[in-house]
Amino acid sequence: MNNVACLKIQMKVEAISGWNYLLQKGFTLQGQAGVSVREFLQNALGYDDCFIDETVRTIFLNSSPVDDIDTAHIKEGDNLALGSAMPGLVGICMGRDNPYKEFRSGISVKDESADESAVPITVNVKIFSTLAVESGEDVLKKGISINAAQLAEFLEGRKKQVIDANGMGTEELIANLQKEEGEIQVTVAFS
């Protein structure tokens, strides 16, 4: 069996939109304990400040909305949900740095002290809506970790879109993924 613990997949360009489903379902990324949400977005996802400030308008950390991404810090096992601006009054209220944030002040992330240990951590990430469309290809090119069985199920319906996967044919790839336990690191490029 080929080792698929670190998998590089090349797919046809029309496959890009299908990956938005997996980005919304969730994946994990490695980071460093004690970094701010902004630093995690920069380092783990490759977002620049302009993209973060103008496009990443909705951020939830462990199910709580985040306003100040420079004072909220990431720790092991955190759940981070990201999206662009959400529609409607609820969307406006849940977006960061808005005039209505006081409506939800009781559930917002409070300033937290940073963990000074700087140890590697794993963070659960979900990217929603147009943010997945806008940044998904770059995120996948950089790499994510995902459950091998979930990836096998996803690729099962997209066999004809796979160009290459570590030199394996699609059937072999899916069979190997089904045998894997837990998560695997995967990078995806489209052409």
N, C-alpha and C. Protein backbone atom coordinates (compact mmCIF):
# COMPACT_ATOMS: atom_id res chain seq x y z
N MET A 1 0.85 -1.19 0.00
CA MET A 1 0.00 0.00 0.00
C MET A 1 0.88 1.24 0.00
N ASN A 2 0.53 2.21 -0.83
CA ASN A 2 1.23 3.50 -0.83
C ASN A 2 0.86 4.28 0.41
N ASN A 3 1.78 5.02 0.94
CA ASN A 3 1.52 5.86 2.10
C ASN A 3 0.75 7.10 1.65
N VAL A 4 -0.42 7.32 2.22
CA VAL A 4 -1.21 8.49 1.85
C VAL A 4 -1.32 9.47 3.03
N ALA A 5 -0.43 9.35 4.01
CA ALA A 5 -0.50 10.24 5.16
C ALA A 5 -0.25 11.69 4.76
N CYS A 6 0.50 11.92 3.70
CA CYS A 6 0.70 13.26 3.15
C CYS A 6 0.42 13.16 1.66
N LEU A 7 -0.73 13.62 1.27
CA LEU A 7 -1.25 13.39 -0.07
C LEU A 7 -1.27 14.68 -0.88
N LYS A 8 -0.80 14.58 -2.12
CA LYS A 8 -0.87 15.70 -3.07
C LYS A 8 -1.80 15.27 -4.19
N ILE A 9 -2.90 16.02 -4.32
CA ILE A 9 -3.89 15.69 -5.34
C ILE A 9 -3.90 16.78 -6.40
N GLN A 10 -3.92 16.38 -7.65
CA GLN A 10 -4.07 17.29 -8.78
C GLN A 10 -5.44 16.98 -9.38
N MET A 11 -6.29 18.00 -9.51
CA MET A 11 -7.63 17.80 -10.03
C MET A 11 -7.94 18.77 -11.16
N LYS A 12 -8.94 18.41 -11.94
CA LYS A 12 -9.40 19.31 -12.99
C LYS A 12 -10.00 20.56 -12.36
N VAL A 13 -9.89 21.68 -13.04
CA VAL A 13 -10.33 22.95 -12.50
C VAL A 13 -11.82 22.98 -12.16
N GLU A 14 -12.63 22.21 -12.87
CA GLU A 14 -14.07 22.22 -12.56
C GLU A 14 -14.39 21.57 -11.21
N ALA A 15 -13.41 20.97 -10.57
CA ALA A 15 -13.62 20.34 -9.27
C ALA A 15 -13.55 21.32 -8.10
N ILE A 16 -13.10 22.54 -8.35
CA ILE A 16 -12.89 23.51 -7.27
C ILE A 16 -14.14 23.70 -6.41
N SER A 17 -15.26 23.94 -7.03
CA SER A 17 -16.47 24.27 -6.25
C SER A 17 -16.90 23.13 -5.34
N GLY A 18 -16.64 21.90 -5.71
CA GLY A 18 -17.00 20.77 -4.86
C GLY A 18 -16.27 20.76 -3.53
N TRP A 19 -15.07 21.30 -3.52
CA TRP A 19 -14.29 21.33 -2.29
C TRP A 19 -14.86 22.30 -1.26
N ASN A 20 -15.68 23.25 -1.69
CA ASN A 20 -16.29 24.17 -0.73
C ASN A 20 -17.09 23.41 0.32
N TYR A 21 -17.69 22.30 -0.09
CA TYR A 21 -18.45 21.46 0.85
C TYR A 21 -17.54 20.99 1.99
N LEU A 22 -16.36 20.49 1.65
CA LEU A 22 -15.44 20.00 2.69
C LEU A 22 -14.90 21.13 3.55
N LEU A 23 -14.67 22.28 2.95
CA LEU A 23 -14.20 23.43 3.73
C LEU A 23 -15.26 23.86 4.74
N GLN A 24 -16.53 23.74 4.36
CA GLN A 24 -17.62 24.09 5.27
C GLN A 24 -17.86 23.00 6.31
N LYS A 25 -17.64 21.77 5.94
CA LYS A 25 -17.82 20.65 6.86
C LYS A 25 -16.76 20.66 7.95
N GLY A 26 -15.55 21.08 7.59
CA GLY A 26 -14.51 21.24 8.59
C GLY A 26 -13.27 20.42 8.31
N PHE A 27 -12.15 20.96 8.77
CA PHE A 27 -10.84 20.35 8.62
C PHE A 27 -9.99 20.86 9.76
N THR A 28 -8.78 20.37 9.87
CA THR A 28 -7.90 20.87 10.93
C THR A 28 -6.65 21.49 10.32
N LEU A 29 -6.08 22.41 11.07
CA LEU A 29 -4.83 23.05 10.70
C LEU A 29 -3.93 23.09 11.92
N GLN A 30 -2.65 23.06 11.66
CA GLN A 30 -1.66 23.20 12.73
C GLN A 30 -1.37 24.68 12.94
N GLY A 31 -1.14 25.02 14.16
CA GLY A 31 -0.79 26.38 14.50
C GLY A 31 0.13 26.39 15.70
N GLN A 32 0.25 27.53 16.32
CA GLN A 32 1.10 27.68 17.48
C GLN A 32 0.27 28.27 18.60
N ALA A 33 0.35 27.67 19.77
CA ALA A 33 -0.40 28.16 20.93
C ALA A 33 -0.02 29.61 21.21
N GLY A 34 -1.01 30.37 21.61
CA GLY A 34 -0.76 31.74 22.04
C GLY A 34 -0.85 32.80 20.96
N VAL A 35 -0.98 32.41 19.69
CA VAL A 35 -1.09 33.43 18.65
C VAL A 35 -2.50 34.00 18.64
N SER A 36 -2.62 35.22 18.18
CA SER A 36 -3.94 35.83 18.07
C SER A 36 -4.69 35.20 16.90
N VAL A 37 -5.98 35.44 16.84
CA VAL A 37 -6.77 34.95 15.72
C VAL A 37 -6.21 35.51 14.42
N ARG A 38 -5.86 36.78 14.40
CA ARG A 38 -5.29 37.39 13.19
C ARG A 38 -4.02 36.64 12.77
N GLU A 39 -3.12 36.39 13.72
CA GLU A 39 -1.88 35.69 13.40
C GLU A 39 -2.14 34.28 12.88
N PHE A 40 -3.14 33.61 13.44
CA PHE A 40 -3.48 32.27 12.97
C PHE A 40 -3.99 32.34 11.53
N LEU A 41 -4.85 33.31 11.23
CA LEU A 41 -5.37 33.46 9.87
C LEU A 41 -4.23 33.74 8.89
N GLN A 42 -3.27 34.52 9.32
CA GLN A 42 -2.12 34.83 8.45
C GLN A 42 -1.22 33.60 8.26
N ASN A 43 -0.85 32.95 9.35
CA ASN A 43 0.13 31.88 9.30
C ASN A 43 -0.45 30.56 8.78
N ALA A 44 -1.60 30.16 9.27
CA ALA A 44 -2.15 28.85 8.92
C ALA A 44 -2.92 28.87 7.60
N LEU A 45 -3.61 29.98 7.32
CA LEU A 45 -4.43 30.06 6.11
C LEU A 45 -3.80 30.90 5.00
N GLY A 46 -2.81 31.69 5.35
CA GLY A 46 -2.15 32.51 4.34
C GLY A 46 -2.91 33.77 3.97
N TYR A 47 -3.85 34.20 4.81
CA TYR A 47 -4.60 35.43 4.54
C TYR A 47 -3.73 36.64 4.87
N ASP A 48 -3.80 37.68 4.05
CA ASP A 48 -3.09 38.91 4.37
C ASP A 48 -4.03 39.86 5.12
N ASP A 49 -3.46 40.91 5.71
CA ASP A 49 -4.24 41.84 6.53
C ASP A 49 -5.41 42.46 5.76
N CYS A 50 -5.17 42.85 4.54
CA CYS A 50 -6.22 43.47 3.73
C CYS A 50 -7.38 42.49 3.54
N PHE A 51 -7.08 41.24 3.20
CA PHE A 51 -8.12 40.23 3.00
C PHE A 51 -8.87 39.97 4.31
N ILE A 52 -8.14 39.88 5.41
CA ILE A 52 -8.77 39.66 6.72
C ILE A 52 -9.71 40.81 7.06
N ASP A 53 -9.23 42.04 6.92
CA ASP A 53 -10.02 43.19 7.33
C ASP A 53 -11.21 43.46 6.43
N GLU A 54 -11.08 43.19 5.15
CA GLU A 54 -12.16 43.52 4.22
C GLU A 54 -13.09 42.36 3.89
N THR A 55 -12.60 41.13 3.98
CA THR A 55 -13.38 39.99 3.51
C THR A 55 -13.81 39.04 4.62
N VAL A 56 -12.94 38.78 5.59
CA VAL A 56 -13.28 37.86 6.69
C VAL A 56 -14.05 38.65 7.74
N ARG A 57 -15.34 38.79 7.54
CA ARG A 57 -16.15 39.68 8.38
C ARG A 57 -16.85 38.96 9.53
N THR A 58 -16.96 37.64 9.47
CA THR A 58 -17.64 36.89 10.52
C THR A 58 -16.67 35.82 11.03
N ILE A 59 -16.37 35.89 12.33
CA ILE A 59 -15.46 34.92 12.95
C ILE A 59 -16.08 34.45 14.26
N PHE A 60 -16.17 33.14 14.38
CA PHE A 60 -16.62 32.54 15.63
C PHE A 60 -15.48 31.69 16.18
N LEU A 61 -15.17 31.87 17.44
CA LEU A 61 -14.18 31.07 18.15
C LEU A 61 -14.91 30.31 19.24
N ASN A 62 -14.95 28.99 19.10
CA ASN A 62 -15.68 28.14 20.05
C ASN A 62 -17.12 28.61 20.21
N SER A 63 -17.77 28.87 19.08
CA SER A 63 -19.18 29.26 18.97
C SER A 63 -19.50 30.66 19.47
N SER A 64 -18.51 31.46 19.75
CA SER A 64 -18.74 32.84 20.20
C SER A 64 -18.17 33.80 19.16
N PRO A 65 -18.92 34.87 18.85
CA PRO A 65 -18.42 35.84 17.87
C PRO A 65 -17.17 36.57 18.39
N VAL A 66 -16.26 36.84 17.45
CA VAL A 66 -15.01 37.54 17.78
C VAL A 66 -15.06 38.93 17.16
N ASP A 67 -14.77 39.94 17.98
CA ASP A 67 -14.66 41.30 17.47
C ASP A 67 -13.21 41.70 17.29
N ASP A 68 -12.44 41.55 18.33
CA ASP A 68 -11.04 41.97 18.27
C ASP A 68 -10.15 40.76 18.00
N ILE A 69 -9.76 40.60 16.75
CA ILE A 69 -8.98 39.42 16.36
C ILE A 69 -7.52 39.53 16.78
N ASP A 70 -7.14 40.67 17.34
CA ASP A 70 -5.77 40.84 17.83
C ASP A 70 -5.63 40.51 19.30
N THR A 71 -6.75 40.46 20.04
CA THR A 71 -6.68 40.13 21.47
C THR A 71 -7.27 38.76 21.79
N ALA A 72 -8.01 38.17 20.86
CA ALA A 72 -8.52 36.80 21.06
C ALA A 72 -7.41 35.85 20.61
N HIS A 73 -7.10 34.85 21.43
CA HIS A 73 -5.99 33.96 21.16
C HIS A 73 -6.45 32.52 20.95
N ILE A 74 -5.65 31.80 20.18
CA ILE A 74 -5.95 30.42 19.80
C ILE A 74 -5.25 29.46 20.76
N LYS A 75 -5.96 28.36 21.10
CA LYS A 75 -5.35 27.32 21.91
C LYS A 75 -5.72 25.95 21.34
N GLU A 76 -5.10 24.92 21.85
CA GLU A 76 -5.30 23.55 21.38
C GLU A 76 -6.79 23.18 21.36
N GLY A 77 -7.22 22.62 20.22
CA GLY A 77 -8.58 22.11 20.10
C GLY A 77 -9.66 23.15 19.86
N ASP A 78 -9.27 24.42 19.69
CA ASP A 78 -10.27 25.45 19.43
C ASP A 78 -11.01 25.17 18.13
N ASN A 79 -12.24 25.67 18.06
CA ASN A 79 -13.07 25.60 16.86
C ASN A 79 -13.21 27.00 16.30
N LEU A 80 -12.78 27.17 15.05
CA LEU A 80 -12.78 28.47 14.41
C LEU A 80 -13.65 28.40 13.16
N ALA A 81 -14.72 29.19 13.12
CA ALA A 81 -15.60 29.26 11.96
C ALA A 81 -15.45 30.64 11.32
N LEU A 82 -15.26 30.65 10.00
CA LEU A 82 -14.99 31.89 9.28
C LEU A 82 -15.98 32.09 8.15
N GLY A 83 -16.36 33.33 7.93
CA GLY A 83 -17.24 33.63 6.82
C GLY A 83 -17.10 35.08 6.40
N SER A 84 -17.65 35.37 5.25
CA SER A 84 -17.70 36.76 4.81
C SER A 84 -18.90 37.40 5.51
N ALA A 85 -19.29 38.57 5.09
CA ALA A 85 -20.44 39.24 5.72
C ALA A 85 -21.69 38.40 5.54
N MET A 86 -22.46 38.26 6.61
CA MET A 86 -23.71 37.50 6.57
C MET A 86 -24.87 38.47 6.32
N PRO A 87 -25.91 38.01 5.64
CA PRO A 87 -27.04 38.90 5.33
C PRO A 87 -27.97 39.10 6.53
N GLY A 88 -28.76 40.16 6.46
CA GLY A 88 -29.81 40.41 7.44
C GLY A 88 -29.30 41.00 8.74
N LEU A 89 -30.26 41.29 9.63
CA LEU A 89 -29.94 41.90 10.92
C LEU A 89 -29.07 40.98 11.77
N VAL A 90 -29.39 39.69 11.80
CA VAL A 90 -28.58 38.75 12.58
C VAL A 90 -27.16 38.71 12.03
N GLY A 91 -27.03 38.69 10.70
CA GLY A 91 -25.72 38.69 10.08
C GLY A 91 -24.93 39.93 10.44
N ILE A 92 -25.58 41.06 10.43
CA ILE A 92 -24.91 42.31 10.79
C ILE A 92 -24.47 42.26 12.25
N CYS A 93 -25.35 41.77 13.13
CA CYS A 93 -25.02 41.71 14.56
C CYS A 93 -23.89 40.74 14.85
N MET A 94 -23.82 39.65 14.11
CA MET A 94 -22.78 38.64 14.37
C MET A 94 -21.45 38.97 13.70
N GLY A 95 -21.46 39.87 12.74
CA GLY A 95 -20.21 40.29 12.09
C GLY A 95 -19.33 41.04 13.08
N ARG A 96 -18.05 41.06 12.79
CA ARG A 96 -17.14 41.70 13.74
C ARG A 96 -17.07 43.21 13.51
N ASP A 97 -16.76 43.90 14.59
CA ASP A 97 -16.58 45.35 14.57
C ASP A 97 -17.73 46.08 13.88
N ASN A 98 -18.92 45.90 14.42
CA ASN A 98 -20.07 46.59 13.84
C ASN A 98 -20.77 47.40 14.93
N PRO A 99 -21.59 48.35 14.55
CA PRO A 99 -22.23 49.20 15.55
C PRO A 99 -23.27 48.48 16.42
N TYR A 100 -23.66 47.27 16.05
CA TYR A 100 -24.69 46.55 16.79
C TYR A 100 -24.12 45.43 17.66
N LYS A 101 -22.80 45.39 17.82
CA LYS A 101 -22.19 44.29 18.55
C LYS A 101 -22.61 44.24 20.02
N GLU A 102 -23.08 45.33 20.54
CA GLU A 102 -23.55 45.33 21.94
C GLU A 102 -24.76 44.41 22.13
N PHE A 103 -25.52 44.16 21.07
CA PHE A 103 -26.67 43.26 21.17
C PHE A 103 -26.25 41.85 21.57
N ARG A 104 -25.01 41.50 21.28
CA ARG A 104 -24.54 40.15 21.57
C ARG A 104 -23.31 40.15 22.47
N SER A 105 -23.14 41.20 23.24
CA SER A 105 -21.94 41.32 24.08
C SER A 105 -21.80 40.18 25.09
N GLY A 106 -22.90 39.61 25.51
CA GLY A 106 -22.86 38.52 26.48
C GLY A 106 -22.29 37.22 25.93
N ILE A 107 -22.29 37.07 24.61
CA ILE A 107 -21.79 35.82 24.02
C ILE A 107 -20.49 36.01 23.24
N SER A 108 -20.00 37.24 23.16
CA SER A 108 -18.78 37.51 22.40
C SER A 108 -17.54 37.00 23.13
N VAL A 109 -16.51 36.69 22.35
CA VAL A 109 -15.22 36.30 22.93
C VAL A 109 -14.65 37.50 23.67
N LYS A 110 -14.23 37.27 24.89
CA LYS A 110 -13.61 38.33 25.68
C LYS A 110 -12.10 38.28 25.47
N ASP A 111 -11.44 39.39 25.73
CA ASP A 111 -9.98 39.42 25.62
C ASP A 111 -9.40 38.32 26.49
N GLU A 112 -8.48 37.55 25.92
CA GLU A 112 -7.87 36.45 26.65
C GLU A 112 -6.37 36.66 26.68
N SER A 113 -5.76 36.19 27.76
CA SER A 113 -4.30 36.27 27.81
C SER A 113 -3.72 35.17 26.92
N ALA A 114 -2.64 35.47 26.29
CA ALA A 114 -2.01 34.53 25.37
C ALA A 114 -1.26 33.46 26.13
N ASP A 115 -1.29 32.25 25.60
CA ASP A 115 -0.49 31.15 26.11
C ASP A 115 0.94 31.39 25.63
N GLU A 116 1.86 31.53 26.54
CA GLU A 116 3.23 31.88 26.19
C GLU A 116 4.07 30.67 25.78
N SER A 117 3.49 29.45 25.82
CA SER A 117 4.30 28.25 25.59
C SER A 117 4.74 28.06 24.15
N ALA A 118 4.03 28.60 23.19
CA ALA A 118 4.38 28.52 21.76
C ALA A 118 4.53 27.09 21.27
N VAL A 119 3.75 26.16 21.83
CA VAL A 119 3.79 24.76 21.39
C VAL A 119 2.87 24.57 20.19
N PRO A 120 3.13 23.56 19.36
CA PRO A 120 2.24 23.29 18.23
C PRO A 120 0.86 22.84 18.72
N ILE A 121 -0.15 23.31 18.04
CA ILE A 121 -1.53 22.95 18.39
C ILE A 121 -2.31 22.59 17.11
N THR A 122 -3.45 21.96 17.32
CA THR A 122 -4.37 21.64 16.24
C THR A 122 -5.65 22.41 16.45
N VAL A 123 -6.11 23.08 15.39
CA VAL A 123 -7.33 23.89 15.45
C VAL A 123 -8.32 23.36 14.41
N ASN A 124 -9.58 23.23 14.81
CA ASN A 124 -10.65 22.82 13.91
C ASN A 124 -11.18 24.06 13.20
N VAL A 125 -11.22 24.01 11.87
CA VAL A 125 -11.58 25.19 11.08
C VAL A 125 -12.72 24.85 10.13
N LYS A 126 -13.64 25.80 9.96
CA LYS A 126 -14.68 25.73 8.94
C LYS A 126 -14.69 27.07 8.21
N ILE A 127 -14.78 27.02 6.89
CA ILE A 127 -14.84 28.24 6.09
C ILE A 127 -16.14 28.21 5.31
N PHE A 128 -16.97 29.24 5.49
CA PHE A 128 -18.32 29.25 4.93
C PHE A 128 -18.49 30.26 3.80
N SER A 129 -19.55 30.05 3.06
CA SER A 129 -20.12 30.95 2.06
C SER A 129 -19.11 31.45 1.04
N THR A 130 -19.22 32.70 0.71
CA THR A 130 -18.36 33.25 -0.34
C THR A 130 -16.90 33.27 0.07
N LEU A 131 -16.63 33.21 1.36
CA LEU A 131 -15.24 33.15 1.80
C LEU A 131 -14.58 31.85 1.33
N ALA A 132 -15.34 30.75 1.35
CA ALA A 132 -14.83 29.47 0.84
C ALA A 132 -14.56 29.58 -0.66
N VAL A 133 -15.45 30.25 -1.36
CA VAL A 133 -15.29 30.43 -2.80
C VAL A 133 -14.06 31.29 -3.10
N GLU A 134 -13.90 32.37 -2.35
CA GLU A 134 -12.81 33.31 -2.61
C GLU A 134 -11.43 32.79 -2.20
N SER A 135 -11.37 32.02 -1.11
CA SER A 135 -10.06 31.63 -0.60
C SER A 135 -9.80 30.13 -0.63
N GLY A 136 -10.79 29.34 -0.98
CA GLY A 136 -10.67 27.89 -0.91
C GLY A 136 -9.51 27.30 -1.70
N GLU A 137 -9.34 27.76 -2.92
CA GLU A 137 -8.26 27.22 -3.76
C GLU A 137 -6.89 27.46 -3.12
N ASP A 138 -6.68 28.64 -2.58
CA ASP A 138 -5.39 28.94 -1.94
C ASP A 138 -5.20 28.14 -0.65
N VAL A 139 -6.27 27.99 0.12
CA VAL A 139 -6.20 27.20 1.35
C VAL A 139 -5.84 25.75 1.03
N LEU A 140 -6.48 25.20 0.02
CA LEU A 140 -6.22 23.81 -0.37
C LEU A 140 -4.80 23.64 -0.92
N LYS A 141 -4.32 24.63 -1.62
CA LYS A 141 -2.95 24.59 -2.16
C LYS A 141 -1.93 24.59 -1.01
N LYS A 142 -2.25 25.34 0.04
CA LYS A 142 -1.38 25.42 1.22
C LYS A 142 -1.43 24.11 2.02
N GLY A 143 -2.62 23.48 2.07
CA GLY A 143 -2.77 22.18 2.72
C GLY A 143 -3.66 22.21 3.94
N ILE A 144 -4.44 21.15 4.10
CA ILE A 144 -5.32 20.96 5.25
C ILE A 144 -5.18 19.52 5.73
N SER A 145 -5.65 19.25 6.93
CA SER A 145 -5.76 17.89 7.42
C SER A 145 -7.24 17.55 7.49
N ILE A 146 -7.56 16.34 7.03
CA ILE A 146 -8.96 15.93 6.94
C ILE A 146 -9.06 14.43 7.20
N ASN A 147 -10.20 14.01 7.69
CA ASN A 147 -10.44 12.60 7.94
C ASN A 147 -10.32 11.82 6.63
N ALA A 148 -9.52 10.76 6.63
CA ALA A 148 -9.26 9.98 5.42
C ALA A 148 -10.53 9.36 4.86
N ALA A 149 -11.39 8.82 5.71
CA ALA A 149 -12.63 8.19 5.24
C ALA A 149 -13.56 9.23 4.61
N GLN A 150 -13.61 10.41 5.20
CA GLN A 150 -14.42 11.50 4.66
C GLN A 150 -13.90 11.92 3.29
N LEU A 151 -12.58 11.99 3.15
CA LEU A 151 -11.98 12.36 1.86
C LEU A 151 -12.25 11.28 0.82
N ALA A 152 -12.16 10.02 1.22
CA ALA A 152 -12.45 8.91 0.29
C ALA A 152 -13.88 8.99 -0.22
N GLU A 153 -14.81 9.25 0.69
CA GLU A 153 -16.23 9.37 0.30
C GLU A 153 -16.43 10.54 -0.65
N PHE A 154 -15.78 11.65 -0.36
CA PHE A 154 -15.88 12.83 -1.21
C PHE A 154 -15.34 12.55 -2.62
N LEU A 155 -14.17 11.92 -2.69
CA LEU A 155 -13.54 11.66 -3.99
C LEU A 155 -14.25 10.57 -4.79
N GLU A 156 -14.98 9.71 -4.11
CA GLU A 156 -15.71 8.63 -4.79
C GLU A 156 -16.61 9.18 -5.89
N GLY A 157 -17.25 10.30 -5.65
CA GLY A 157 -18.13 10.90 -6.64
C GLY A 157 -17.43 11.82 -7.62
N ARG A 158 -16.11 11.92 -7.49
CA ARG A 158 -15.35 12.84 -8.35
C ARG A 158 -14.15 12.15 -9.01
N LYS A 159 -14.27 10.87 -9.22
CA LYS A 159 -13.16 10.07 -9.77
C LYS A 159 -12.63 10.63 -11.08
N LYS A 160 -13.52 11.08 -11.95
CA LYS A 160 -13.10 11.56 -13.27
C LYS A 160 -12.41 12.92 -13.21
N GLN A 161 -12.50 13.58 -12.07
CA GLN A 161 -11.87 14.90 -11.93
C GLN A 161 -10.45 14.82 -11.36
N VAL A 162 -10.07 13.65 -10.84
CA VAL A 162 -8.73 13.48 -10.28
C VAL A 162 -7.75 13.24 -11.42
N ILE A 163 -6.71 14.06 -11.49
CA ILE A 163 -5.67 13.90 -12.51
C ILE A 163 -4.53 13.05 -11.96
N ASP A 164 -4.10 13.34 -10.73
CA ASP A 164 -3.02 12.59 -10.12
C ASP A 164 -3.14 12.70 -8.61
N ALA A 165 -2.66 11.65 -7.93
CA ALA A 165 -2.64 11.64 -6.47
C ALA A 165 -1.47 10.78 -6.01
N ASN A 166 -0.34 11.41 -5.82
CA ASN A 166 0.89 10.70 -5.43
C ASN A 166 1.19 9.52 -6.35
N GLY A 167 0.86 9.67 -7.63
CA GLY A 167 1.16 8.63 -8.61
C GLY A 167 0.18 7.47 -8.61
N MET A 168 -0.87 7.55 -7.79
CA MET A 168 -1.86 6.47 -7.73
C MET A 168 -3.01 6.75 -8.67
N GLY A 169 -3.62 5.69 -9.16
CA GLY A 169 -4.88 5.81 -9.87
C GLY A 169 -5.98 6.12 -8.87
N THR A 170 -7.10 6.60 -9.35
CA THR A 170 -8.19 7.02 -8.47
C THR A 170 -8.73 5.87 -7.62
N GLU A 171 -8.91 4.70 -8.23
CA GLU A 171 -9.42 3.55 -7.48
C GLU A 171 -8.46 3.17 -6.35
N GLU A 172 -7.17 3.14 -6.67
CA GLU A 172 -6.16 2.81 -5.66
C GLU A 172 -6.15 3.86 -4.55
N LEU A 173 -6.24 5.12 -4.93
CA LEU A 173 -6.27 6.21 -3.95
C LEU A 173 -7.42 6.03 -2.98
N ILE A 174 -8.62 5.83 -3.50
CA ILE A 174 -9.80 5.71 -2.64
C ILE A 174 -9.68 4.48 -1.75
N ALA A 175 -9.21 3.37 -2.29
CA ALA A 175 -9.03 2.16 -1.49
C ALA A 175 -8.04 2.40 -0.35
N ASN A 176 -6.94 3.08 -0.64
CA ASN A 176 -5.94 3.39 0.40
C ASN A 176 -6.50 4.34 1.45
N LEU A 177 -7.25 5.32 1.02
CA LEU A 177 -7.86 6.25 1.98
C LEU A 177 -8.84 5.53 2.90
N GLN A 178 -9.59 4.58 2.37
CA GLN A 178 -10.55 3.83 3.17
C GLN A 178 -9.88 2.98 4.23
N LYS A 179 -8.61 2.62 4.00
CA LYS A 179 -7.85 1.82 4.96
C LYS A 179 -7.21 2.68 6.04
N GLU A 180 -7.03 3.96 5.74
CA GLU A 180 -6.37 4.87 6.68
C GLU A 180 -7.28 5.16 7.88
N GLU A 181 -6.66 5.36 9.02
CA GLU A 181 -7.38 5.75 10.23
C GLU A 181 -7.08 7.21 10.53
N GLY A 182 -8.06 7.95 10.94
CA GLY A 182 -7.84 9.33 11.35
C GLY A 182 -7.62 10.28 10.19
N GLU A 183 -6.89 11.35 10.50
CA GLU A 183 -6.70 12.41 9.53
C GLU A 183 -5.42 12.25 8.72
N ILE A 184 -5.46 12.84 7.53
CA ILE A 184 -4.28 12.89 6.67
C ILE A 184 -4.08 14.33 6.22
N GLN A 185 -2.86 14.65 5.93
CA GLN A 185 -2.52 15.96 5.38
C GLN A 185 -2.70 15.89 3.88
N VAL A 186 -3.41 16.86 3.30
CA VAL A 186 -3.65 16.86 1.86
C VAL A 186 -3.47 18.27 1.31
N THR A 187 -2.81 18.34 0.16
CA THR A 187 -2.75 19.57 -0.61
C THR A 187 -3.44 19.29 -1.94
N VAL A 188 -4.14 20.29 -2.45
CA VAL A 188 -4.89 20.11 -3.68
C VAL A 188 -4.56 21.27 -4.62
N ALA A 189 -4.24 20.91 -5.87
CA ALA A 189 -4.01 21.90 -6.92
C ALA A 189 -4.97 21.60 -8.06
N PHE A 190 -5.34 22.62 -8.79
CA PHE A 190 -6.31 22.48 -9.89
C PHE A 190 -5.69 22.96 -11.19
N SER A 191 -5.96 22.23 -12.28
CA SER A 191 -5.47 22.65 -13.60
C SER A 191 -6.44 22.23 -14.69
